[in-house]
Amino acid sequence: MNLLQPHKLLALAVAMLALAGGYWFSSQFLGAPAATRNVNLATVTVFPASRPLPALTLIDQDKQPFDFSRTGGQWSLLFMGFTNCGHICPMTMAELRAIHDNLPEPVNVIFVSVDPNRDTPEIIRNYVRRFDDSFLGITGTPEELEKLASSIGAPIFVDTAADNYIVDHSSAVFLLDRSGALAGTITPPFDPARIAADLQTIM
């Protein structure tokens, strides 16, 4: 019977500890662990690997610069819309409030206004606080918003040619992992209880 020499046993132990540490780090800070990404989820589509977002110049509801490193190591739910939206946006925001309230772990809810021409930081702040004081509202220049939309696969269209102009946007909600990278999508119709259950599994 061949026994490993002590120095080989030590090397093997170090390698196993490194592997375990890497798995723990990825599960805590880089998103859902690989095993979680393979489970059957009812409402959330989780990508095989999270996709980092590009560097962007955005501002929040308090006129402060915003980047996705400010998510504070928490998972985030991001929705792109505008405050003059008649039905889809307020309904989605109310559903995000219900999801938020059904989760035992805090998550960020981020509303991105794609209509910076009308949606000032003050208007955005008042809008998101109608749903929850903890919700964050952000916006940016049309160019920066287009970069964000392209990076997450959320097409937007804003035609400011007329006074009562057209704004079109994705109705999906986007899941960001603890590092602020794109981890998955949630498409309507939304069932807050089932979504919350899926998110608990992922988180």
Protein backbone atom coordinates (compact mmCIF):
# COMPACT_ATOMS: atom_id res chain seq x y z
CA MET A 1 0.00 0.00 0.00
CA ASN A 2 1.44 3.33 -1.10
CA LEU A 3 1.08 6.19 1.35
CA LEU A 4 1.48 9.83 0.39
CA GLN A 5 4.56 11.45 1.76
CA PRO A 6 3.97 14.17 4.40
CA HIS A 7 4.82 17.04 2.05
CA LYS A 8 2.38 15.68 -0.55
CA LEU A 9 -0.35 15.34 2.08
CA LEU A 10 0.23 18.95 3.10
CA ALA A 11 0.01 20.13 -0.51
CA LEU A 12 -3.24 18.21 -0.99
CA ALA A 13 -4.72 19.70 2.19
CA VAL A 14 -3.77 23.23 1.10
CA ALA A 15 -5.33 22.66 -2.33
CA MET A 16 -8.59 21.43 -0.78
CA LEU A 17 -8.72 24.41 1.57
CA ALA A 18 -8.13 26.79 -1.35
CA LEU A 19 -10.93 25.15 -3.33
CA ALA A 20 -13.33 25.39 -0.40
CA GLY A 21 -12.33 29.01 0.20
CA GLY A 22 -12.87 29.92 -3.44
CA TYR A 23 -16.34 28.36 -3.39
CA TRP A 24 -17.23 30.26 -0.20
CA PHE A 25 -15.93 33.55 -1.63
CA SER A 26 -17.85 33.15 -4.89
CA SER A 27 -21.06 32.24 -3.11
CA GLN A 28 -20.79 35.19 -0.71
CA PHE A 29 -19.50 37.93 -2.97
CA LEU A 30 -19.75 36.98 -6.63
CA GLY A 31 -23.31 35.75 -6.86
CA ALA A 32 -25.10 32.44 -6.82
CA PRO A 33 -22.93 29.33 -6.39
CA ALA A 34 -22.80 27.01 -9.36
CA ALA A 35 -25.03 24.42 -7.69
CA THR A 36 -27.72 27.04 -7.11
CA ARG A 37 -27.59 28.16 -10.71
CA ASN A 38 -28.58 24.63 -11.79
CA VAL A 39 -31.69 24.26 -9.61
CA ASN A 40 -35.17 24.57 -11.09
CA LEU A 41 -36.51 28.07 -10.50
CA ALA A 42 -40.12 29.00 -11.20
CA THR A 43 -39.70 32.66 -12.13
CA VAL A 44 -36.05 33.76 -12.30
CA THR A 45 -33.64 33.04 -15.14
CA VAL A 46 -30.11 32.90 -13.71
CA PHE A 47 -27.15 33.18 -16.09
CA PRO A 48 -24.34 30.58 -16.01
CA ALA A 49 -21.98 33.40 -14.97
CA SER A 50 -22.63 36.95 -13.81
CA ARG A 51 -21.87 39.72 -16.31
CA PRO A 52 -20.05 42.82 -14.98
CA LEU A 53 -21.69 46.11 -15.94
CA PRO A 54 -19.68 48.79 -17.75
CA ALA A 55 -18.35 51.88 -16.00
CA LEU A 56 -21.16 54.44 -16.09
CA THR A 57 -21.68 58.05 -15.05
CA LEU A 58 -25.05 58.12 -13.29
CA ILE A 59 -26.65 60.18 -10.52
CA ASP A 60 -28.99 59.14 -7.75
CA GLN A 61 -32.13 60.74 -6.34
CA ASP A 62 -29.97 62.92 -4.07
CA LYS A 63 -27.88 64.26 -6.98
CA GLN A 64 -24.91 62.13 -5.93
CA PRO A 65 -22.74 60.14 -8.37
CA PHE A 66 -23.84 56.53 -8.56
CA ASP A 67 -22.12 53.34 -9.60
CA PHE A 68 -23.11 49.76 -8.91
CA SER A 69 -20.38 49.25 -6.35
CA ARG A 70 -22.75 51.15 -4.04
CA THR A 71 -25.01 48.12 -3.77
CA GLY A 72 -23.25 47.34 -0.50
CA GLY A 73 -22.63 43.65 -1.00
CA GLN A 74 -26.36 42.96 -1.30
CA TRP A 75 -28.38 41.47 -4.13
CA SER A 76 -30.32 44.05 -6.16
CA LEU A 77 -33.45 44.17 -8.30
CA LEU A 78 -33.21 46.75 -11.09
CA PHE A 79 -36.11 48.09 -13.13
CA MET A 80 -35.92 50.65 -15.94
CA GLY A 81 -38.93 52.94 -16.43
CA PHE A 82 -40.09 56.53 -16.03
CA THR A 83 -42.27 58.41 -13.58
CA ASN A 84 -44.94 59.43 -16.12
CA CYS A 85 -45.52 55.78 -17.02
CA GLY A 86 -49.26 55.16 -16.80
CA HIS A 87 -49.59 51.55 -15.73
CA ILE A 88 -46.61 49.21 -16.13
CA CYS A 89 -44.14 51.15 -13.97
CA PRO A 90 -46.27 51.75 -10.86
CA MET A 91 -47.60 48.19 -11.00
CA THR A 92 -44.07 46.78 -11.27
CA MET A 93 -42.82 49.01 -8.46
CA ALA A 94 -45.66 47.84 -6.23
CA GLU A 95 -44.76 44.22 -7.04
CA LEU A 96 -41.11 44.93 -6.22
CA ARG A 97 -42.27 46.28 -2.87
CA ALA A 98 -44.13 43.01 -2.26
CA ILE A 99 -41.06 40.96 -3.23
CA HIS A 100 -38.84 43.15 -1.04
CA ASP A 101 -41.15 42.67 1.94
CA ASN A 102 -41.24 38.88 1.49
CA LEU A 103 -37.47 38.39 1.64
CA PRO A 104 -35.71 37.67 4.94
CA GLU A 105 -32.47 39.13 3.59
CA PRO A 106 -32.27 42.82 2.58
CA VAL A 107 -32.11 43.53 -1.15
CA ASN A 108 -31.69 46.78 -3.04
CA VAL A 109 -34.52 47.88 -5.30
CA ILE A 110 -33.17 50.26 -7.96
CA PHE A 111 -35.44 52.27 -10.23
CA VAL A 112 -33.67 53.68 -13.30
CA SER A 113 -35.48 56.52 -15.03
CA VAL A 114 -34.92 56.42 -18.79
CA ASP A 115 -36.55 59.87 -19.13
CA PRO A 116 -33.96 62.30 -17.69
CA ASN A 117 -35.48 65.17 -19.66
CA ARG A 118 -38.49 65.18 -17.32
CA ASP A 119 -37.40 63.04 -14.39
CA THR A 120 -35.19 65.23 -12.22
CA PRO A 121 -33.58 63.72 -9.12
CA GLU A 122 -36.24 65.37 -6.96
CA ILE A 123 -39.06 63.86 -9.01
CA ILE A 124 -37.39 60.45 -8.94
CA ARG A 125 -36.89 60.64 -5.16
CA ASN A 126 -40.56 61.46 -4.56
CA TYR A 127 -41.59 58.69 -6.95
CA VAL A 128 -39.58 55.85 -5.39
CA ARG A 129 -40.50 56.90 -1.85
CA ARG A 130 -44.16 56.39 -2.71
CA PHE A 131 -43.32 52.68 -2.68
CA ASP A 132 -40.60 52.37 -0.01
CA ASP A 133 -38.19 54.76 1.68
CA SER A 134 -35.32 52.34 1.08
CA PHE A 135 -35.77 52.20 -2.71
CA LEU A 136 -33.10 53.92 -4.78
CA GLY A 137 -33.77 56.00 -7.89
CA ILE A 138 -31.10 56.82 -10.46
CA THR A 139 -30.80 58.34 -13.92
CA GLY A 140 -28.18 59.76 -16.27
CA THR A 141 -27.64 61.23 -19.69
CA PRO A 142 -29.36 59.52 -22.62
CA GLU A 143 -25.97 58.19 -23.72
CA GLU A 144 -25.20 56.64 -20.33
CA LEU A 145 -28.69 55.18 -20.03
CA GLU A 146 -28.32 53.62 -23.47
CA LYS A 147 -25.03 52.03 -22.39
CA LEU A 148 -26.70 50.57 -19.32
CA ALA A 149 -29.69 49.35 -21.31
CA SER A 150 -27.46 47.68 -23.90
CA SER A 151 -25.32 46.00 -21.25
CA ILE A 152 -28.31 44.32 -19.57
CA GLY A 153 -30.37 43.68 -22.71
CA ALA A 154 -33.18 46.14 -21.93
CA PRO A 155 -34.00 48.14 -25.07
CA ILE A 156 -35.27 51.66 -24.53
CA PHE A 157 -36.75 54.22 -26.94
CA VAL A 158 -37.30 57.88 -26.11
CA ASP A 159 -38.55 60.28 -28.79
CA THR A 160 -38.53 63.85 -27.46
CA ALA A 161 -39.68 65.45 -30.72
CA ALA A 162 -43.17 66.25 -29.34
CA ASP A 163 -44.26 67.78 -26.03
CA ASN A 164 -46.09 64.62 -24.95
CA TYR A 165 -43.38 62.36 -26.27
CA ILE A 166 -43.11 58.59 -26.43
CA VAL A 167 -41.05 56.54 -23.99
CA ASP A 168 -40.75 52.79 -24.46
CA HIS A 169 -38.78 50.43 -22.22
CA SER A 170 -38.39 46.82 -21.15
CA SER A 171 -40.89 45.48 -18.62
CA ALA A 172 -38.36 42.99 -17.18
CA VAL A 173 -36.65 43.19 -13.79
CA PHE A 174 -32.92 42.51 -13.70
CA LEU A 175 -31.12 40.68 -10.90
CA LEU A 176 -27.71 41.98 -9.83
CA ASP A 177 -25.46 39.89 -7.60
CA ARG A 178 -23.58 41.06 -4.52
CA SER A 179 -20.81 42.58 -6.65
CA GLY A 180 -23.27 44.61 -8.77
CA ALA A 181 -22.93 42.35 -11.83
CA LEU A 182 -25.89 41.16 -13.90
CA ALA A 183 -26.88 37.70 -12.64
CA GLY A 184 -30.31 37.07 -14.15
CA THR A 185 -33.68 38.32 -15.32
CA ILE A 186 -37.31 38.16 -14.22
CA THR A 187 -39.97 38.66 -16.86
CA PRO A 188 -43.68 39.39 -16.41
CA PRO A 189 -46.24 38.39 -15.39
CA PHE A 190 -44.82 38.80 -11.90
CA ASP A 191 -45.87 36.62 -8.97
CA PRO A 192 -44.21 38.29 -5.95
CA ALA A 193 -44.51 35.26 -3.64
CA ARG A 194 -42.97 32.84 -6.15
CA ILE A 195 -40.26 35.35 -7.12
CA ALA A 196 -39.38 35.86 -3.45
CA ALA A 197 -39.12 32.08 -3.00
CA ASP A 198 -36.79 31.81 -6.01
CA LEU A 199 -34.65 34.67 -4.76
CA GLN A 200 -34.31 33.03 -1.35
CA THR A 201 -33.02 29.90 -3.10
CA ILE A 202 -30.54 31.93 -5.15
CA MET A 203 -29.32 34.06 -2.25
